[in-house]
Each structure stands twice: as structure tokens, then as C-alpha cells.
PDB file of all heavy atoms in Angstrom:
ATOM      1  N   MET A   1     187.614  75.121 169.448  1.00  0.00           N
ATOM      2  CA  MET A   1     188.951  75.690 169.320  1.00  0.00           C
ATOM      3  C   MET A   1     189.688  75.084 168.119  1.00  0.00           C
ATOM      4  O   MET A   1     190.313  75.791 167.317  1.00  0.00           O
ATOM      5  CB  MET A   1     189.716  75.452 170.609  1.00  0.00           C
ATOM      6  CG  MET A   1     191.066  76.130 170.598  1.00  0.00           C
ATOM      7  SD  MET A   1     190.895  77.895 170.642  1.00  0.00           S
ATOM      8  CE  MET A   1     192.552  78.384 170.916  1.00  0.00           C
ATOM      9  N   ASP A   2     189.554  73.773 167.954  1.00  0.00           N
ATOM     10  CA  ASP A   2     190.216  73.128 166.809  1.00  0.00           C
ATOM     11  C   ASP A   2     189.667  73.564 165.492  1.00  0.00           C
ATOM     12  O   ASP A   2     190.374  73.730 164.483  1.00  0.00           O
ATOM     13  CB  ASP A   2     190.063  71.578 166.902  1.00  0.00           C
ATOM     14  CG  ASP A   2     190.930  70.971 167.993  1.00  0.00           C
ATOM     15  OD1 ASP A   2     191.937  71.635 168.356  1.00  0.00           O
ATOM     16  OD2 ASP A   2     190.620  69.874 168.435  1.00  0.00           O
ATOM     17  N   GLU A   3     188.344  73.830 165.457  1.00  0.00           N
ATOM     18  CA  GLU A   3     187.704  74.306 164.269  1.00  0.00           C
ATOM     19  C   GLU A   3     188.210  75.666 163.842  1.00  0.00           C
ATOM     20  O   GLU A   3     188.508  75.954 162.681  1.00  0.00           O
ATOM     21  CB  GLU A   3     186.156  74.387 164.517  1.00  0.00           C
ATOM     22  CG  GLU A   3     185.368  74.293 163.256  1.00  0.00           C
ATOM     23  CD  GLU A   3     183.884  74.161 163.583  1.00  0.00           C
ATOM     24  OE1 GLU A   3     183.507  73.174 164.260  1.00  0.00           O
ATOM     25  OE2 GLU A   3     183.139  75.065 163.201  1.00  0.00           O
ATOM     26  N   ALA A   4     188.396  76.550 164.842  1.00  0.00           N
ATOM     27  CA  ALA A   4     188.912  77.893 164.580  1.00  0.00           C
ATOM     28  C   ALA A   4     190.355  77.799 164.090  1.00  0.00           C
ATOM     29  O   ALA A   4     190.790  78.545 163.156  1.00  0.00           O
ATOM     30  CB  ALA A   4     188.809  78.767 165.797  1.00  0.00           C
ATOM     31  N   TYR A   5     191.145  76.920 164.708  1.00  0.00           N
ATOM     32  CA  TYR A   5     192.546  76.805 164.329  1.00  0.00           C
ATOM     33  C   TYR A   5     192.643  76.261 162.872  1.00  0.00           C
ATOM     34  O   TYR A   5     193.431  76.757 162.112  1.00  0.00           O
ATOM     35  CB  TYR A   5     193.227  75.807 165.279  1.00  0.00           C
ATOM     36  CG  TYR A   5     194.657  75.501 164.864  1.00  0.00           C
ATOM     37  CD1 TYR A   5     195.675  76.396 165.084  1.00  0.00           C
ATOM     38  CD2 TYR A   5     194.957  74.290 164.233  1.00  0.00           C
ATOM     39  CE1 TYR A   5     196.958  76.105 164.685  1.00  0.00           C
ATOM     40  CE2 TYR A   5     196.233  74.007 163.818  1.00  0.00           C
ATOM     41  CZ  TYR A   5     197.223  74.916 164.068  1.00  0.00           C
ATOM     42  OH  TYR A   5     198.513  74.642 163.690  1.00  0.00           O
ATOM     43  N   ASN A   6     191.820  75.260 162.568  1.00  0.00           N
ATOM     44  CA  ASN A   6     191.799  74.728 161.194  1.00  0.00           C
ATOM     45  C   ASN A   6     191.430  75.751 160.157  1.00  0.00           C
ATOM     46  O   ASN A   6     192.040  75.859 159.079  1.00  0.00           O
ATOM     47  CB  ASN A   6     190.879  73.527 161.090  1.00  0.00           C
ATOM     48  CG  ASN A   6     191.430  72.335 161.812  1.00  0.00           C
ATOM     49  OD1 ASN A   6     192.664  72.196 162.016  1.00  0.00           O
ATOM     50  ND2 ASN A   6     190.528  71.407 162.204  1.00  0.00           N
ATOM     51  N   TYR A   7     190.415  76.588 160.488  1.00  0.00           N
ATOM     52  CA  TYR A   7     189.984  77.621 159.569  1.00  0.00           C
ATOM     53  C   TYR A   7     191.115  78.643 159.345  1.00  0.00           C
ATOM     54  O   TYR A   7     191.398  79.002 158.221  1.00  0.00           O
ATOM     55  CB  TYR A   7     188.766  78.331 160.138  1.00  0.00           C
ATOM     56  CG  TYR A   7     188.290  79.464 159.286  1.00  0.00           C
ATOM     57  CD1 TYR A   7     187.563  79.233 158.089  1.00  0.00           C
ATOM     58  CD2 TYR A   7     188.561  80.782 159.621  1.00  0.00           C
ATOM     59  CE1 TYR A   7     187.166  80.263 157.280  1.00  0.00           C
ATOM     60  CE2 TYR A   7     188.129  81.842 158.836  1.00  0.00           C
ATOM     61  CZ  TYR A   7     187.438  81.572 157.671  1.00  0.00           C
ATOM     62  OH  TYR A   7     187.021  82.612 156.886  1.00  0.00           O
ATOM     63  N   LEU A   8     191.763  79.067 160.417  1.00  0.00           N
ATOM     64  CA  LEU A   8     192.834  80.042 160.344  1.00  0.00           C
ATOM     65  C   LEU A   8     194.017  79.457 159.525  1.00  0.00           C
ATOM     66  O   LEU A   8     194.611  80.151 158.696  1.00  0.00           O
ATOM     67  CB  LEU A   8     193.279  80.446 161.719  1.00  0.00           C
ATOM     68  CG  LEU A   8     194.390  81.515 161.802  1.00  0.00           C
ATOM     69  CD1 LEU A   8     193.899  82.820 161.145  1.00  0.00           C
ATOM     70  CD2 LEU A   8     194.773  81.804 163.232  1.00  0.00           C
ATOM     71  N   ALA A   9     194.353  78.204 159.773  1.00  0.00           N
ATOM     72  CA  ALA A   9     195.464  77.544 159.068  1.00  0.00           C
ATOM     73  C   ALA A   9     195.164  77.495 157.591  1.00  0.00           C
ATOM     74  O   ALA A   9     196.022  77.793 156.758  1.00  0.00           O
ATOM     75  CB  ALA A   9     195.669  76.183 159.605  1.00  0.00           C
ATOM     76  N   LYS A  10     193.937  77.174 157.202  1.00  0.00           N
ATOM     77  CA  LYS A  10     193.552  77.120 155.799  1.00  0.00           C
ATOM     78  C   LYS A  10     193.646  78.500 155.164  1.00  0.00           C
ATOM     79  O   LYS A  10     194.123  78.640 154.031  1.00  0.00           O
ATOM     80  CB  LYS A  10     192.173  76.556 155.652  1.00  0.00           C
ATOM     81  CG  LYS A  10     192.129  75.076 155.883  1.00  0.00           C
ATOM     82  CD  LYS A  10     190.685  74.538 155.748  1.00  0.00           C
ATOM     83  CE  LYS A  10     190.647  73.087 156.163  1.00  0.00           C
ATOM     84  NZ  LYS A  10     189.284  72.547 156.141  1.00  0.00           N
ATOM     85  N   GLU A  11     193.190  79.498 155.900  1.00  0.00           N
ATOM     86  CA  GLU A  11     193.230  80.896 155.354  1.00  0.00           C
ATOM     87  C   GLU A  11     194.709  81.329 155.121  1.00  0.00           C
ATOM     88  O   GLU A  11     194.999  82.040 154.176  1.00  0.00           O
ATOM     89  CB  GLU A  11     192.545  81.866 156.328  1.00  0.00           C
ATOM     90  CG  GLU A  11     191.059  81.727 156.296  1.00  0.00           C
ATOM     91  CD  GLU A  11     190.440  82.033 154.941  1.00  0.00           C
ATOM     92  OE1 GLU A  11     190.848  82.997 154.292  1.00  0.00           O
ATOM     93  OE2 GLU A  11     189.567  81.251 154.511  1.00  0.00           O
ATOM     94  N   ILE A  12     195.590  80.936 155.990  1.00  0.00           N
ATOM     95  CA  ILE A  12     197.000  81.308 155.875  1.00  0.00           C
ATOM     96  C   ILE A  12     197.597  80.625 154.587  1.00  0.00           C
ATOM     97  O   ILE A  12     198.276  81.283 153.823  1.00  0.00           O
ATOM     98  CB  ILE A  12     197.802  80.882 157.111  1.00  0.00           C
ATOM     99  CG1 ILE A  12     197.425  81.771 158.284  1.00  0.00           C
ATOM    100  CG2 ILE A  12     199.306  80.988 156.859  1.00  0.00           C
ATOM    101  CD1 ILE A  12     197.967  81.297 159.621  1.00  0.00           C
ATOM    102  N   VAL A  13     197.263  79.363 154.374  1.00  0.00           N
ATOM    103  CA  VAL A  13     197.788  78.672 153.205  1.00  0.00           C
ATOM    104  C   VAL A  13     197.149  79.270 151.940  1.00  0.00           C
ATOM    105  O   VAL A  13     197.884  79.510 150.935  1.00  0.00           O
ATOM    106  CB  VAL A  13     197.469  77.128 153.309  1.00  0.00           C
ATOM    107  CG1 VAL A  13     197.818  76.450 152.029  1.00  0.00           C
ATOM    108  CG2 VAL A  13     198.266  76.547 154.466  1.00  0.00           C
ATOM    109  N   ILE A  14     195.862  79.570 151.964  1.00  0.00           N
ATOM    110  CA  ILE A  14     195.221  80.173 150.825  1.00  0.00           C
ATOM    111  C   ILE A  14     195.818  81.537 150.500  1.00  0.00           C
ATOM    112  O   ILE A  14     196.070  81.851 149.331  1.00  0.00           O
ATOM    113  CB  ILE A  14     193.679  80.246 151.043  1.00  0.00           C
ATOM    114  CG1 ILE A  14     193.068  78.871 150.988  1.00  0.00           C
ATOM    115  CG2 ILE A  14     193.045  81.164 149.998  1.00  0.00           C
ATOM    116  CD1 ILE A  14     191.602  78.808 151.443  1.00  0.00           C
ATOM    117  N   SER A  15     196.098  82.316 151.541  1.00  0.00           N
ATOM    118  CA  SER A  15     196.713  83.634 151.304  1.00  0.00           C
ATOM    119  C   SER A  15     198.124  83.449 150.683  1.00  0.00           C
ATOM    120  O   SER A  15     198.446  84.249 149.794  1.00  0.00           O
ATOM    121  CB  SER A  15     196.824  84.357 152.665  1.00  0.00           C
ATOM    122  OG  SER A  15     197.541  85.518 152.506  1.00  0.00           O
ATOM    123  N   ALA A  16     198.873  82.500 151.106  1.00  0.00           N
ATOM    124  CA  ALA A  16     200.206  82.260 150.537  1.00  0.00           C
ATOM    125  C   ALA A  16     200.091  81.836 149.060  1.00  0.00           C
ATOM    126  O   ALA A  16     200.861  82.318 148.227  1.00  0.00           O
ATOM    127  CB  ALA A  16     200.969  81.235 151.332  1.00  0.00           C
ATOM    128  N   CYS A  17     199.090  81.052 148.781  1.00  0.00           N
ATOM    129  CA  CYS A  17     198.885  80.612 147.378  1.00  0.00           C
ATOM    130  C   CYS A  17     198.452  81.818 146.513  1.00  0.00           C
ATOM    131  O   CYS A  17     198.939  81.933 145.381  1.00  0.00           O
ATOM    132  CB  CYS A  17     197.803  79.534 147.305  1.00  0.00           C
ATOM    133  SG  CYS A  17     198.281  77.943 148.003  1.00  0.00           S
ATOM    134  N   GLU A  18     197.607  82.692 147.004  1.00  0.00           N
ATOM    135  CA  GLU A  18     197.196  83.879 146.290  1.00  0.00           C
ATOM    136  C   GLU A  18     198.377  84.762 146.029  1.00  0.00           C
ATOM    137  O   GLU A  18     198.549  85.275 144.908  1.00  0.00           O
ATOM    138  CB  GLU A  18     196.094  84.596 147.012  1.00  0.00           C
ATOM    139  CG  GLU A  18     194.769  83.890 147.021  1.00  0.00           C
ATOM    140  CD  GLU A  18     193.717  84.577 147.903  1.00  0.00           C
ATOM    141  OE1 GLU A  18     194.111  85.460 148.687  1.00  0.00           O
ATOM    142  OE2 GLU A  18     192.543  84.190 147.771  1.00  0.00           O
ATOM    143  N   ASP A  19     199.233  84.978 147.054  1.00  0.00           N
ATOM    144  CA  ASP A  19     200.410  85.808 146.880  1.00  0.00           C
ATOM    145  C   ASP A  19     201.318  85.248 145.815  1.00  0.00           C
ATOM    146  O   ASP A  19     201.894  85.932 144.980  1.00  0.00           O
ATOM    147  CB  ASP A  19     201.187  85.935 148.205  1.00  0.00           C
ATOM    148  CG  ASP A  19     200.412  86.788 149.227  1.00  0.00           C
ATOM    149  OD1 ASP A  19     199.485  87.454 148.839  1.00  0.00           O
ATOM    150  OD2 ASP A  19     200.846  86.728 150.402  1.00  0.00           O
ATOM    151  N   TYR A  20     201.514  83.909 145.825  1.00  0.00           N
ATOM    152  CA  TYR A  20     202.366  83.224 144.860  1.00  0.00           C
ATOM    153  C   TYR A  20     201.814  83.451 143.426  1.00  0.00           C
ATOM    154  O   TYR A  20     202.545  83.822 142.542  1.00  0.00           O
ATOM    155  CB  TYR A  20     202.425  81.749 145.235  1.00  0.00           C
ATOM    156  CG  TYR A  20     203.335  80.950 144.264  1.00  0.00           C
ATOM    157  CD1 TYR A  20     204.677  80.934 144.477  1.00  0.00           C
ATOM    158  CD2 TYR A  20     202.800  80.213 143.218  1.00  0.00           C
ATOM    159  CE1 TYR A  20     205.508  80.214 143.633  1.00  0.00           C
ATOM    160  CE2 TYR A  20     203.565  79.489 142.369  1.00  0.00           C
ATOM    161  CZ  TYR A  20     204.950  79.469 142.579  1.00  0.00           C
ATOM    162  OH  TYR A  20     205.783  78.756 141.708  1.00  0.00           O
ATOM    163  N   LEU A  21     200.514  83.205 143.266  1.00  0.00           N
ATOM    164  CA  LEU A  21     199.900  83.370 141.945  1.00  0.00           C
ATOM    165  C   LEU A  21     199.967  84.824 141.413  1.00  0.00           C
ATOM    166  O   LEU A  21     200.323  85.081 140.265  1.00  0.00           O
ATOM    167  CB  LEU A  21     198.461  82.903 141.973  1.00  0.00           C
ATOM    168  CG  LEU A  21     198.216  81.397 141.961  1.00  0.00           C
ATOM    169  CD1 LEU A  21     196.749  81.092 142.138  1.00  0.00           C
ATOM    170  CD2 LEU A  21     198.754  80.787 140.664  1.00  0.00           C
ATOM    171  N   ASN A  22     199.669  85.768 142.304  1.00  0.00           N
ATOM    172  CA  ASN A  22     199.749  87.179 141.896  1.00  0.00           C
ATOM    173  C   ASN A  22     201.132  87.596 141.495  1.00  0.00           C
ATOM    174  O   ASN A  22     201.351  88.316 140.503  1.00  0.00           O
ATOM    175  CB  ASN A  22     199.196  88.067 143.033  1.00  0.00           C
ATOM    176  CG  ASN A  22     197.742  87.959 143.180  1.00  0.00           C
ATOM    177  OD1 ASN A  22     197.017  87.582 142.243  1.00  0.00           O
ATOM    178  ND2 ASN A  22     197.260  88.285 144.380  1.00  0.00           N
ATOM    179  N   ALA A  23     202.129  87.185 142.275  1.00  0.00           N
ATOM    180  CA  ALA A  23     203.510  87.518 141.952  1.00  0.00           C
ATOM    181  C   ALA A  23     203.949  86.883 140.658  1.00  0.00           C
ATOM    182  O   ALA A  23     204.589  87.547 139.811  1.00  0.00           O
ATOM    183  CB  ALA A  23     204.436  87.081 143.104  1.00  0.00           C
ATOM    184  N   LYS A  24     203.605  85.591 140.426  1.00  0.00           N
ATOM    185  CA  LYS A  24     203.990  84.919 139.194  1.00  0.00           C
ATOM    186  C   LYS A  24     203.363  85.577 137.988  1.00  0.00           C
ATOM    187  O   LYS A  24     203.998  85.768 136.967  1.00  0.00           O
ATOM    188  CB  LYS A  24     203.580  83.446 139.219  1.00  0.00           C
ATOM    189  CG  LYS A  24     204.515  82.573 140.033  1.00  0.00           C
ATOM    190  CD  LYS A  24     205.779  82.337 139.296  1.00  0.00           C
ATOM    191  CE  LYS A  24     205.936  80.934 138.893  1.00  0.00           C
ATOM    192  NZ  LYS A  24     207.224  80.617 138.379  1.00  0.00           N
ATOM    193  N   ARG A  25     202.082  85.960 138.139  1.00  0.00           N
ATOM    194  CA  ARG A  25     201.377  86.619 137.024  1.00  0.00           C
ATOM    195  C   ARG A  25     202.040  87.970 136.715  1.00  0.00           C
ATOM    196  O   ARG A  25     202.180  88.318 135.540  1.00  0.00           O
ATOM    197  CB  ARG A  25     199.924  86.785 137.369  1.00  0.00           C
ATOM    198  CG  ARG A  25     199.161  85.504 137.226  1.00  0.00           C
ATOM    199  CD  ARG A  25     197.654  85.738 137.453  1.00  0.00           C
ATOM    200  NE  ARG A  25     196.969  84.470 137.405  1.00  0.00           N
ATOM    201  CZ  ARG A  25     196.148  84.060 138.341  1.00  0.00           C
ATOM    202  NH1 ARG A  25     195.843  84.819 139.346  1.00  0.00           N
ATOM    203  NH2 ARG A  25     195.564  82.878 138.241  1.00  0.00           N
ATOM    204  N   TYR A  26     202.372  88.720 137.734  1.00  0.00           N
ATOM    205  CA  TYR A  26     202.998  90.034 137.493  1.00  0.00           C
ATOM    206  C   TYR A  26     204.312  89.860 136.800  1.00  0.00           C
ATOM    207  O   TYR A  26     204.613  90.558 135.879  1.00  0.00           O
ATOM    208  CB  TYR A  26     203.154  90.830 138.811  1.00  0.00           C
ATOM    209  CG  TYR A  26     203.725  92.195 138.515  1.00  0.00           C
ATOM    210  CD1 TYR A  26     202.899  93.215 138.157  1.00  0.00           C
ATOM    211  CD2 TYR A  26     205.113  92.410 138.563  1.00  0.00           C
ATOM    212  CE1 TYR A  26     203.422  94.445 137.858  1.00  0.00           C
ATOM    213  CE2 TYR A  26     205.629  93.647 138.236  1.00  0.00           C
ATOM    214  CZ  TYR A  26     204.796  94.709 137.911  1.00  0.00           C
ATOM    215  OH  TYR A  26     205.307  95.915 137.580  1.00  0.00           O
ATOM    216  N   ILE A  27     205.126  88.950 137.256  1.00  0.00           N
ATOM    217  CA  ILE A  27     206.427  88.746 136.655  1.00  0.00           C
ATOM    218  C   ILE A  27     206.274  88.276 135.198  1.00  0.00           C
ATOM    219  O   ILE A  27     207.013  88.726 134.332  1.00  0.00           O
ATOM    220  CB  ILE A  27     207.243  87.692 137.469  1.00  0.00           C
ATOM    221  CG1 ILE A  27     207.593  88.322 138.838  1.00  0.00           C
ATOM    222  CG2 ILE A  27     208.475  87.250 136.768  1.00  0.00           C
ATOM    223  CD1 ILE A  27     208.145  87.321 139.842  1.00  0.00           C
ATOM    224  N   TYR A  28     205.288  87.419 134.942  1.00  0.00           N
ATOM    225  CA  TYR A  28     205.028  87.003 133.556  1.00  0.00           C
ATOM    226  C   TYR A  28     204.632  88.206 132.686  1.00  0.00           C
ATOM    227  O   TYR A  28     205.173  88.361 131.583  1.00  0.00           O
ATOM    228  CB  TYR A  28     203.901  85.941 133.557  1.00  0.00           C
ATOM    229  CG  TYR A  28     203.478  85.543 132.186  1.00  0.00           C
ATOM    230  CD1 TYR A  28     204.236  84.627 131.448  1.00  0.00           C
ATOM    231  CD2 TYR A  28     202.310  86.013 131.630  1.00  0.00           C
ATOM    232  CE1 TYR A  28     203.808  84.285 130.185  1.00  0.00           C
ATOM    233  CE2 TYR A  28     201.896  85.668 130.344  1.00  0.00           C
ATOM    234  CZ  TYR A  28     202.651  84.757 129.637  1.00  0.00           C
ATOM    235  OH  TYR A  28     202.260  84.430 128.378  1.00  0.00           O
ATOM    236  N   ARG A  29     203.744  89.049 133.151  1.00  0.00           N
ATOM    237  CA  ARG A  29     203.305  90.226 132.389  1.00  0.00           C
ATOM    238  C   ARG A  29     204.471  91.172 132.218  1.00  0.00           C
ATOM    239  O   ARG A  29     204.617  91.819 131.168  1.00  0.00           O
ATOM    240  CB  ARG A  29     202.124  90.911 133.115  1.00  0.00           C
ATOM    241  CG  ARG A  29     200.853  90.198 132.977  1.00  0.00           C
ATOM    242  CD  ARG A  29     199.653  91.041 133.387  1.00  0.00           C
ATOM    243  NE  ARG A  29     199.906  91.804 134.586  1.00  0.00           N
ATOM    244  CZ  ARG A  29     199.370  91.524 135.799  1.00  0.00           C
ATOM    245  NH1 ARG A  29     198.546  90.520 135.911  1.00  0.00           N
ATOM    246  NH2 ARG A  29     199.626  92.264 136.811  1.00  0.00           N
ATOM    247  N   TYR A  30     205.273  91.367 133.265  1.00  0.00           N
ATOM    248  CA  TYR A  30     206.406  92.274 133.160  1.00  0.00           C
ATOM    249  C   TYR A  30     207.363  91.806 132.058  1.00  0.00           C
ATOM    250  O   TYR A  30     207.839  92.594 131.260  1.00  0.00           O
ATOM    251  CB  TYR A  30     207.166  92.341 134.506  1.00  0.00           C
ATOM    252  CG  TYR A  30     208.415  93.149 134.466  1.00  0.00           C
ATOM    253  CD1 TYR A  30     208.380  94.534 134.715  1.00  0.00           C
ATOM    254  CD2 TYR A  30     209.623  92.581 134.203  1.00  0.00           C
ATOM    255  CE1 TYR A  30     209.511  95.287 134.666  1.00  0.00           C
ATOM    256  CE2 TYR A  30     210.810  93.353 134.158  1.00  0.00           C
ATOM    257  CZ  TYR A  30     210.712  94.696 134.382  1.00  0.00           C
ATOM    258  OH  TYR A  30     211.869  95.451 134.340  1.00  0.00           O
ATOM    259  N   ASN A  31     207.704  90.503 132.072  1.00  0.00           N
ATOM    260  CA  ASN A  31     208.617  89.954 131.067  1.00  0.00           C
ATOM    261  C   ASN A  31     208.020  90.116 129.663  1.00  0.00           C
ATOM    262  O   ASN A  31     208.760  90.402 128.716  1.00  0.00           O
ATOM    263  CB  ASN A  31     208.951  88.496 131.399  1.00  0.00           C
ATOM    264  CG  ASN A  31     209.831  88.373 132.581  1.00  0.00           C
ATOM    265  OD1 ASN A  31     210.563  89.283 132.947  1.00  0.00           O
ATOM    266  ND2 ASN A  31     209.710  87.216 133.263  1.00  0.00           N
ATOM    267  N   LYS A  32     206.747  89.906 129.528  1.00  0.00           N
ATOM    268  CA  LYS A  32     206.100  90.052 128.242  1.00  0.00           C
ATOM    269  C   LYS A  32     206.193  91.492 127.747  1.00  0.00           C
ATOM    270  O   LYS A  32     206.470  91.765 126.582  1.00  0.00           O
ATOM    271  CB  LYS A  32     204.674  89.611 128.362  1.00  0.00           C
ATOM    272  CG  LYS A  32     203.939  89.479 127.042  1.00  0.00           C
ATOM    273  CD  LYS A  32     202.537  88.930 127.295  1.00  0.00           C
ATOM    274  CE  LYS A  32     201.745  88.840 125.998  1.00  0.00           C
ATOM    275  NZ  LYS A  32     200.412  88.344 126.179  1.00  0.00           N
ATOM    276  N   TYR A  33     205.969  92.445 128.674  1.00  0.00           N
ATOM    277  CA  TYR A  33     206.042  93.867 128.343  1.00  0.00           C
ATOM    278  C   TYR A  33     207.467  94.287 128.027  1.00  0.00           C
ATOM    279  O   TYR A  33     207.734  95.039 127.078  1.00  0.00           O
ATOM    280  CB  TYR A  33     205.500  94.690 129.527  1.00  0.00           C
ATOM    281  CG  TYR A  33     205.549  96.187 129.300  1.00  0.00           C
ATOM    282  CD1 TYR A  33     204.492  96.818 128.657  1.00  0.00           C
ATOM    283  CD2 TYR A  33     206.626  96.947 129.724  1.00  0.00           C
ATOM    284  CE1 TYR A  33     204.489  98.192 128.454  1.00  0.00           C
ATOM    285  CE2 TYR A  33     206.641  98.291 129.526  1.00  0.00           C
ATOM    286  CZ  TYR A  33     205.596  98.929 128.891  1.00  0.00           C
ATOM    287  OH  TYR A  33     205.607 100.272 128.682  1.00  0.00           O
ATOM    288  N   ALA A  34     208.430  93.738 128.795  1.00  0.00           N
ATOM    289  CA  ALA A  34     209.832  94.161 128.675  1.00  0.00           C
ATOM    290  C   ALA A  34     210.424  93.709 127.319  1.00  0.00           C
ATOM    291  O   ALA A  34     211.407  94.280 126.854  1.00  0.00           O
ATOM    292  CB  ALA A  34     210.650  93.561 129.837  1.00  0.00           C
ATOM    293  N   ARG A  35     209.828  92.680 126.711  1.00  0.00           N
ATOM    294  CA  ARG A  35     210.289  92.259 125.380  1.00  0.00           C
ATOM    295  C   ARG A  35     210.029  93.306 124.336  1.00  0.00           C
ATOM    296  O   ARG A  35     210.722  93.411 123.340  1.00  0.00           O
ATOM    297  CB  ARG A  35     209.673  90.925 125.017  1.00  0.00           C
ATOM    298  CG  ARG A  35     210.324  89.744 125.638  1.00  0.00           C
ATOM    299  CD  ARG A  35     209.786  88.457 125.107  1.00  0.00           C
ATOM    300  NE  ARG A  35     209.223  87.718 126.266  1.00  0.00           N
ATOM    301  CZ  ARG A  35     208.081  87.179 126.348  1.00  0.00           C
ATOM    302  NH1 ARG A  35     207.264  87.221 125.279  1.00  0.00           N
ATOM    303  NH2 ARG A  35     207.666  86.536 127.373  1.00  0.00           N
ATOM    304  N   LYS A  36     208.968  94.086 124.506  1.00  0.00           N
ATOM    305  CA  LYS A  36     208.526  95.031 123.518  1.00  0.00           C
ATOM    306  C   LYS A  36     209.036  96.453 123.811  1.00  0.00           C
ATOM    307  O   LYS A  36     209.353  97.158 122.895  1.00  0.00           O
ATOM    308  CB  LYS A  36     207.009  95.040 123.449  1.00  0.00           C
ATOM    309  CG  LYS A  36     206.423  93.748 122.976  1.00  0.00           C
ATOM    310  CD  LYS A  36     204.936  93.838 122.948  1.00  0.00           C
ATOM    311  CE  LYS A  36     204.359  92.463 122.535  1.00  0.00           C
ATOM    312  NZ  LYS A  36     202.915  92.450 122.572  1.00  0.00           N
ATOM    313  N   ARG A  37     208.980  96.862 125.087  1.00  0.00           N
ATOM    314  CA  ARG A  37     209.349  98.245 125.449  1.00  0.00           C
ATOM    315  C   ARG A  37     210.229  98.215 126.671  1.00  0.00           C
ATOM    316  O   ARG A  37     210.341  97.267 127.387  1.00  0.00           O
ATOM    317  CB  ARG A  37     208.096  99.027 125.787  1.00  0.00           C
ATOM    318  CG  ARG A  37     207.132  99.169 124.686  1.00  0.00           C
ATOM    319  CD  ARG A  37     205.915  99.996 125.135  1.00  0.00           C
ATOM    320  NE  ARG A  37     204.877  99.900 124.170  1.00  0.00           N
ATOM    321  CZ  ARG A  37     203.899  98.995 124.195  1.00  0.00           C
ATOM    322  NH1 ARG A  37     203.861  98.072 125.147  1.00  0.00           N
ATOM    323  NH2 ARG A  37     202.966  98.980 123.265  1.00  0.00           N
ATOM    324  N   LYS A  38     210.838  99.388 126.894  1.00  0.00           N
ATOM    325  CA  LYS A  38     211.677  99.545 128.107  1.00  0.00           C
ATOM    326  C   LYS A  38     210.757  99.774 129.302  1.00  0.00           C
ATOM    327  O   LYS A  38     209.954 100.708 129.280  1.00  0.00           O
ATOM    328  CB  LYS A  38     212.617 100.718 127.920  1.00  0.00           C
ATOM    329  CG  LYS A  38     213.623 100.888 129.036  1.00  0.00           C
ATOM    330  CD  LYS A  38     214.552 101.994 128.725  1.00  0.00           C
ATOM    331  CE  LYS A  38     215.654 102.216 129.733  1.00  0.00           C
ATOM    332  NZ  LYS A  38     215.418 101.914 131.061  1.00  0.00           N
ATOM    333  N   PRO A  39     210.876  98.986 130.357  1.00  0.00           N
ATOM    334  CA  PRO A  39     210.036  99.173 131.534  1.00  0.00           C
ATOM    335  C   PRO A  39     210.364 100.461 132.260  1.00  0.00           C
ATOM    336  O   PRO A  39     211.521 100.921 132.275  1.00  0.00           O
ATOM    337  CB  PRO A  39     210.394  97.953 132.392  1.00  0.00           C
ATOM    338  CG  PRO A  39     211.048  96.996 131.528  1.00  0.00           C
ATOM    339  CD  PRO A  39     211.695  97.794 130.451  1.00  0.00           C
ATOM    340  N   THR A  40     209.372 101.025 132.927  1.00  0.00           N
ATOM    341  CA  THR A  40     209.594 102.253 133.714  1.00  0.00           C
ATOM    342  C   THR A  40     210.196 101.936 135.075  1.00  0.00           C
ATOM    343  O   THR A  40     210.244 100.742 135.446  1.00  0.00           O
ATOM    344  CB  THR A  40     208.238 102.977 133.936  1.00  0.00           C
ATOM    345  OG1 THR A  40     207.394 102.106 134.704  1.00  0.00           O
ATOM    346  CG2 THR A  40     207.590 103.294 132.615  1.00  0.00           C
ATOM    347  N   LYS A  41     210.652 102.956 135.785  1.00  0.00           N
ATOM    348  CA  LYS A  41     211.222 102.764 137.104  1.00  0.00           C
ATOM    349  C   LYS A  41     210.198 102.203 138.053  1.00  0.00           C
ATOM    350  O   LYS A  41     210.505 101.350 138.889  1.00  0.00           O
ATOM    351  CB  LYS A  41     211.722 104.099 137.635  1.00  0.00           C
ATOM    352  CG  LYS A  41     212.878 104.664 136.882  1.00  0.00           C
ATOM    353  CD  LYS A  41     214.140 103.973 137.255  1.00  0.00           C
ATOM    354  CE  LYS A  41     215.308 104.628 136.541  1.00  0.00           C
ATOM    355  NZ  LYS A  41     216.547 103.917 136.679  1.00  0.00           N
TER     356      LYS A  41
END
């Protein structure tokens, strides 16, 4: 049971890290694009 709990806990943290990285990358790319052109809706 502890092994399953540890695995699930690690997956939750990894998922949060992936979400953080993906969001940061998108915001970075958006800002880079917005400097050159007007962003779409």
C-alpha cells in the first residue's frame, strides 16, 4: 500500500512540474511572438 501511495504521490508532483513547464514555455513563446506581431484571439 505504501509503495502505491508513494508512486501516486510522485506522479502527482511530476504532473504539476510538467504543467508548470508547459505553461511557462507557452507564455515565453507568446511574449516572443507578441513583440513582432499582434496575437490572435
